[in-house]
Amino acid sequence: MPITDDTTVTFYDPHPGFAGAAIPIPDAVKRVADALDRQTLPLADGVQRIQAVTHGRVEAMPSLQYIGLWISASSSPCGQRYLGHFFRVIRFREVRDGDHQP
């Protein structure tokens, strides 16, 4: 079945932080992603938790199984200008009947 906002998923592999990106992922988003790690809940709940701490566009990408964040033109904390940046915030996998949760 296709993954929808109501699909129960397990979140894993949150963004590691700076990791060579042109700009670091916002601290509040990183904290939420870390808190979601290994949690099992509806996909929409994870999206809402991330969206609550950012003005960027948060979007679930079901075909790629991650939640992404798009931050548009602004200045980075170190003063550099950028047109925008997309982050893979956290991955997820669908929980299916019979899956064992830790």
N, C-alpha and C. Protein backbone atom coordinates (compact mmCIF):
# COMPACT_ATOMS: atom_id res chain seq x y z
N MET A 1 0.83 -1.18 0.00
CA MET A 1 0.00 0.00 0.00
C MET A 1 0.87 1.24 0.00
N PRO A 2 0.40 2.32 -0.60
CA PRO A 2 1.18 3.55 -0.57
C PRO A 2 1.23 4.15 0.84
N ILE A 3 2.32 4.82 1.12
CA ILE A 3 2.48 5.48 2.42
C ILE A 3 1.74 6.81 2.37
N THR A 4 0.88 7.05 3.37
CA THR A 4 0.13 8.30 3.48
C THR A 4 0.42 8.94 4.83
N ASP A 5 -0.18 10.11 5.07
CA ASP A 5 0.01 10.79 6.35
C ASP A 5 -0.44 9.93 7.53
N ASP A 6 -1.41 9.06 7.31
CA ASP A 6 -1.94 8.21 8.38
C ASP A 6 -1.15 6.93 8.60
N THR A 7 -0.21 6.64 7.72
CA THR A 7 0.57 5.42 7.83
C THR A 7 1.44 5.46 9.08
N THR A 8 1.43 4.38 9.84
CA THR A 8 2.31 4.28 11.00
C THR A 8 3.71 3.91 10.51
N VAL A 9 4.68 4.71 10.94
CA VAL A 9 6.07 4.53 10.50
C VAL A 9 6.99 4.54 11.71
N THR A 10 8.18 3.99 11.52
CA THR A 10 9.24 4.11 12.51
C THR A 10 10.29 5.03 11.92
N PHE A 11 10.66 6.05 12.70
CA PHE A 11 11.65 7.02 12.25
C PHE A 11 13.05 6.56 12.64
N TYR A 12 14.02 6.85 11.76
CA TYR A 12 15.41 6.46 12.03
C TYR A 12 16.36 7.34 11.20
N ASP A 13 17.61 7.30 11.52
CA ASP A 13 18.67 8.00 10.79
C ASP A 13 18.43 9.50 10.69
N PRO A 14 18.35 10.21 11.83
CA PRO A 14 18.18 11.66 11.76
C PRO A 14 19.42 12.32 11.15
N HIS A 15 19.23 13.49 10.61
CA HIS A 15 20.34 14.26 10.02
C HIS A 15 21.45 14.40 11.05
N PRO A 16 22.71 14.21 10.66
CA PRO A 16 23.80 14.22 11.63
C PRO A 16 24.22 15.61 12.11
N GLY A 17 23.69 16.66 11.54
CA GLY A 17 24.09 18.00 11.93
C GLY A 17 24.68 18.72 10.73
N PHE A 18 25.87 19.23 10.86
CA PHE A 18 26.48 19.98 9.76
C PHE A 18 26.86 19.06 8.61
N ALA A 19 27.69 18.07 8.86
CA ALA A 19 28.03 17.00 7.91
C ALA A 19 28.36 17.48 6.51
N GLY A 20 29.09 18.57 6.39
CA GLY A 20 29.54 19.02 5.08
C GLY A 20 28.52 19.82 4.29
N ALA A 21 27.35 20.06 4.85
CA ALA A 21 26.34 20.85 4.14
C ALA A 21 26.81 22.29 4.03
N ALA A 22 26.25 23.01 3.06
CA ALA A 22 26.60 24.42 2.88
C ALA A 22 26.23 25.24 4.11
N ILE A 23 25.16 24.83 4.77
CA ILE A 23 24.74 25.46 6.03
C ILE A 23 24.34 24.34 6.98
N PRO A 24 24.43 24.58 8.29
CA PRO A 24 24.00 23.54 9.23
C PRO A 24 22.48 23.46 9.30
N ILE A 25 21.97 22.30 9.61
CA ILE A 25 20.54 22.14 9.83
C ILE A 25 20.18 22.96 11.07
N PRO A 26 19.04 23.64 11.09
CA PRO A 26 18.68 24.42 12.29
C PRO A 26 18.67 23.55 13.55
N ASP A 27 19.19 24.11 14.64
CA ASP A 27 19.31 23.36 15.89
C ASP A 27 17.97 22.79 16.37
N ALA A 28 16.91 23.58 16.29
CA ALA A 28 15.60 23.11 16.77
C ALA A 28 15.12 21.92 15.94
N VAL A 29 15.36 21.96 14.63
CA VAL A 29 14.97 20.84 13.76
C VAL A 29 15.79 19.61 14.10
N LYS A 30 17.08 19.80 14.34
CA LYS A 30 17.96 18.69 14.71
C LYS A 30 17.49 18.04 16.01
N ARG A 31 17.11 18.86 16.99
CA ARG A 31 16.64 18.32 18.27
C ARG A 31 15.37 17.49 18.09
N VAL A 32 14.43 17.99 17.27
CA VAL A 32 13.19 17.24 17.03
C VAL A 32 13.49 15.94 16.30
N ALA A 33 14.35 15.99 15.28
CA ALA A 33 14.71 14.79 14.54
C ALA A 33 15.35 13.76 15.46
N ASP A 34 16.24 14.20 16.33
CA ASP A 34 16.87 13.28 17.28
C ASP A 34 15.83 12.66 18.22
N ALA A 35 14.85 13.47 18.64
CA ALA A 35 13.80 12.96 19.54
C ALA A 35 12.89 11.96 18.82
N LEU A 36 12.70 12.13 17.51
CA LEU A 36 11.86 11.20 16.74
C LEU A 36 12.56 9.87 16.47
N ASP A 37 13.88 9.85 16.53
CA ASP A 37 14.64 8.64 16.21
C ASP A 37 14.14 7.45 17.01
N ARG A 38 13.78 6.37 16.29
CA ARG A 38 13.28 5.10 16.83
C ARG A 38 11.86 5.17 17.37
N GLN A 39 11.17 6.29 17.18
CA GLN A 39 9.76 6.37 17.58
C GLN A 39 8.88 5.82 16.46
N THR A 40 7.76 5.24 16.84
CA THR A 40 6.78 4.71 15.90
C THR A 40 5.49 5.48 16.10
N LEU A 41 5.03 6.16 15.06
CA LEU A 41 3.81 6.95 15.10
C LEU A 41 3.37 7.30 13.69
N PRO A 42 2.19 7.89 13.52
CA PRO A 42 1.76 8.26 12.17
C PRO A 42 2.71 9.26 11.53
N LEU A 43 2.94 9.11 10.25
CA LEU A 43 3.86 9.98 9.51
C LEU A 43 3.51 11.45 9.72
N ALA A 44 2.22 11.79 9.67
CA ALA A 44 1.80 13.19 9.82
C ALA A 44 2.25 13.78 11.16
N ASP A 45 2.30 12.97 12.21
CA ASP A 45 2.74 13.47 13.52
C ASP A 45 4.20 13.91 13.47
N GLY A 46 5.04 13.12 12.80
CA GLY A 46 6.45 13.49 12.65
C GLY A 46 6.61 14.78 11.86
N VAL A 47 5.87 14.90 10.77
CA VAL A 47 5.92 16.13 9.96
C VAL A 47 5.50 17.33 10.80
N GLN A 48 4.41 17.19 11.54
CA GLN A 48 3.91 18.30 12.36
C GLN A 48 4.90 18.70 13.44
N ARG A 49 5.57 17.75 14.05
CA ARG A 49 6.55 18.07 15.10
C ARG A 49 7.72 18.88 14.53
N ILE A 50 8.16 18.51 13.34
CA ILE A 50 9.25 19.26 12.71
C ILE A 50 8.76 20.63 12.27
N GLN A 51 7.59 20.68 11.62
CA GLN A 51 7.06 21.95 11.14
C GLN A 51 6.86 22.95 12.27
N ALA A 52 6.56 22.47 13.47
CA ALA A 52 6.31 23.34 14.62
C ALA A 52 7.53 24.16 15.03
N VAL A 53 8.73 23.76 14.62
CA VAL A 53 9.94 24.45 15.06
C VAL A 53 10.69 25.15 13.93
N THR A 54 10.06 25.27 12.75
CA THR A 54 10.75 25.92 11.63
C THR A 54 9.75 26.70 10.78
N HIS A 55 10.26 27.71 10.09
CA HIS A 55 9.46 28.46 9.12
C HIS A 55 9.67 27.90 7.72
N GLY A 56 10.59 26.95 7.59
CA GLY A 56 10.83 26.32 6.29
C GLY A 56 9.69 25.40 5.91
N ARG A 57 9.74 24.88 4.69
CA ARG A 57 8.70 23.96 4.22
C ARG A 57 9.12 22.52 4.56
N VAL A 58 8.30 21.85 5.34
CA VAL A 58 8.55 20.47 5.75
C VAL A 58 7.63 19.58 4.92
N GLU A 59 8.21 18.52 4.36
CA GLU A 59 7.43 17.67 3.47
C GLU A 59 7.87 16.22 3.61
N ALA A 60 6.89 15.33 3.73
CA ALA A 60 7.18 13.89 3.69
C ALA A 60 7.38 13.49 2.24
N MET A 61 8.39 12.68 2.00
CA MET A 61 8.68 12.16 0.67
C MET A 61 8.48 10.65 0.73
N PRO A 62 7.23 10.18 0.62
CA PRO A 62 6.95 8.75 0.80
C PRO A 62 7.71 7.83 -0.15
N SER A 63 7.91 8.24 -1.39
CA SER A 63 8.60 7.36 -2.33
C SER A 63 10.07 7.17 -1.96
N LEU A 64 10.64 8.14 -1.25
CA LEU A 64 12.05 8.06 -0.83
C LEU A 64 12.17 7.73 0.66
N GLN A 65 11.07 7.72 1.35
CA GLN A 65 10.97 7.38 2.76
C GLN A 65 11.82 8.28 3.66
N TYR A 66 11.63 9.58 3.51
CA TYR A 66 12.22 10.53 4.44
C TYR A 66 11.36 11.77 4.53
N ILE A 67 11.59 12.56 5.58
CA ILE A 67 10.98 13.88 5.71
C ILE A 67 12.06 14.88 5.35
N GLY A 68 11.71 15.83 4.49
CA GLY A 68 12.65 16.84 4.05
C GLY A 68 12.26 18.22 4.53
N LEU A 69 13.23 19.12 4.53
CA LEU A 69 13.04 20.51 4.92
C LEU A 69 13.68 21.40 3.87
N TRP A 70 12.90 22.33 3.33
CA TRP A 70 13.41 23.31 2.38
C TRP A 70 13.43 24.66 3.07
N ILE A 71 14.63 25.26 3.13
CA ILE A 71 14.79 26.60 3.67
C ILE A 71 15.15 27.51 2.50
N SER A 72 14.36 28.56 2.30
CA SER A 72 14.57 29.44 1.15
C SER A 72 15.56 30.55 1.46
N ALA A 73 15.82 31.38 0.46
CA ALA A 73 16.85 32.43 0.49
C ALA A 73 16.90 33.18 1.81
N SER A 74 18.10 33.32 2.31
CA SER A 74 18.33 33.98 3.59
C SER A 74 19.84 34.12 3.77
N SER A 75 20.22 34.47 4.96
CA SER A 75 21.64 34.47 5.32
C SER A 75 21.88 33.35 6.31
N SER A 76 22.99 32.67 6.14
CA SER A 76 23.34 31.61 7.07
C SER A 76 23.85 32.23 8.36
N PRO A 77 23.92 31.46 9.43
CA PRO A 77 24.42 31.99 10.70
C PRO A 77 25.84 32.55 10.60
N CYS A 78 26.63 32.08 9.62
CA CYS A 78 28.00 32.59 9.49
C CYS A 78 28.08 33.74 8.48
N GLY A 79 26.93 34.30 8.08
CA GLY A 79 26.92 35.49 7.24
C GLY A 79 26.94 35.25 5.74
N GLN A 80 26.99 34.01 5.30
CA GLN A 80 27.00 33.73 3.87
C GLN A 80 25.59 33.75 3.33
N ARG A 81 25.41 34.28 2.10
CA ARG A 81 24.11 34.28 1.44
C ARG A 81 23.94 32.96 0.70
N TYR A 82 22.73 32.46 0.65
CA TYR A 82 22.44 31.26 -0.13
C TYR A 82 21.02 31.37 -0.68
N LEU A 83 20.77 30.69 -1.77
CA LEU A 83 19.46 30.74 -2.41
C LEU A 83 18.45 29.84 -1.73
N GLY A 84 18.91 28.81 -1.13
CA GLY A 84 18.04 27.87 -0.44
C GLY A 84 18.79 26.58 -0.21
N HIS A 85 18.24 25.78 0.67
CA HIS A 85 18.89 24.51 0.96
C HIS A 85 17.83 23.50 1.33
N PHE A 86 18.02 22.26 0.90
CA PHE A 86 17.11 21.16 1.22
C PHE A 86 17.85 20.18 2.10
N PHE A 87 17.22 19.80 3.20
CA PHE A 87 17.78 18.82 4.13
C PHE A 87 16.92 17.57 4.14
N ARG A 88 17.54 16.42 4.21
CA ARG A 88 16.84 15.18 4.54
C ARG A 88 16.89 15.13 6.06
N VAL A 89 15.77 15.40 6.70
CA VAL A 89 15.75 15.55 8.16
C VAL A 89 15.82 14.21 8.86
N ILE A 90 14.97 13.27 8.44
CA ILE A 90 14.95 11.95 9.07
C ILE A 90 14.29 10.95 8.12
N ARG A 91 14.76 9.73 8.16
CA ARG A 91 14.19 8.66 7.33
C ARG A 91 13.07 7.97 8.12
N PHE A 92 12.23 7.24 7.39
CA PHE A 92 11.20 6.44 8.04
C PHE A 92 10.94 5.18 7.23
N ARG A 93 10.39 4.18 7.92
CA ARG A 93 9.96 2.95 7.25
C ARG A 93 8.58 2.59 7.77
N GLU A 94 7.79 2.04 6.88
CA GLU A 94 6.43 1.67 7.23
C GLU A 94 6.45 0.51 8.21
N VAL A 95 5.56 0.57 9.20
CA VAL A 95 5.38 -0.53 10.14
C VAL A 95 4.29 -1.42 9.55
N ARG A 96 4.62 -2.66 9.36
CA ARG A 96 3.67 -3.62 8.78
C ARG A 96 3.25 -4.62 9.85
N ASP A 97 2.11 -5.24 9.63
CA ASP A 97 1.64 -6.26 10.57
C ASP A 97 2.74 -7.30 10.76
N GLY A 98 3.00 -7.64 12.00
CA GLY A 98 4.01 -8.65 12.29
C GLY A 98 5.40 -8.07 12.52
N ASP A 99 5.60 -6.76 12.24
CA ASP A 99 6.91 -6.16 12.52
C ASP A 99 7.11 -6.11 14.02
N HIS A 100 8.33 -6.38 14.43
CA HIS A 100 8.68 -6.30 15.84
C HIS A 100 9.32 -4.96 16.11
N GLN A 101 8.86 -4.29 17.13
CA GLN A 101 9.40 -3.00 17.51
C GLN A 101 10.34 -3.16 18.69
N PRO A 102 11.45 -2.40 18.70
CA PRO A 102 12.38 -2.50 19.83
C PRO A 102 11.79 -1.99 21.11
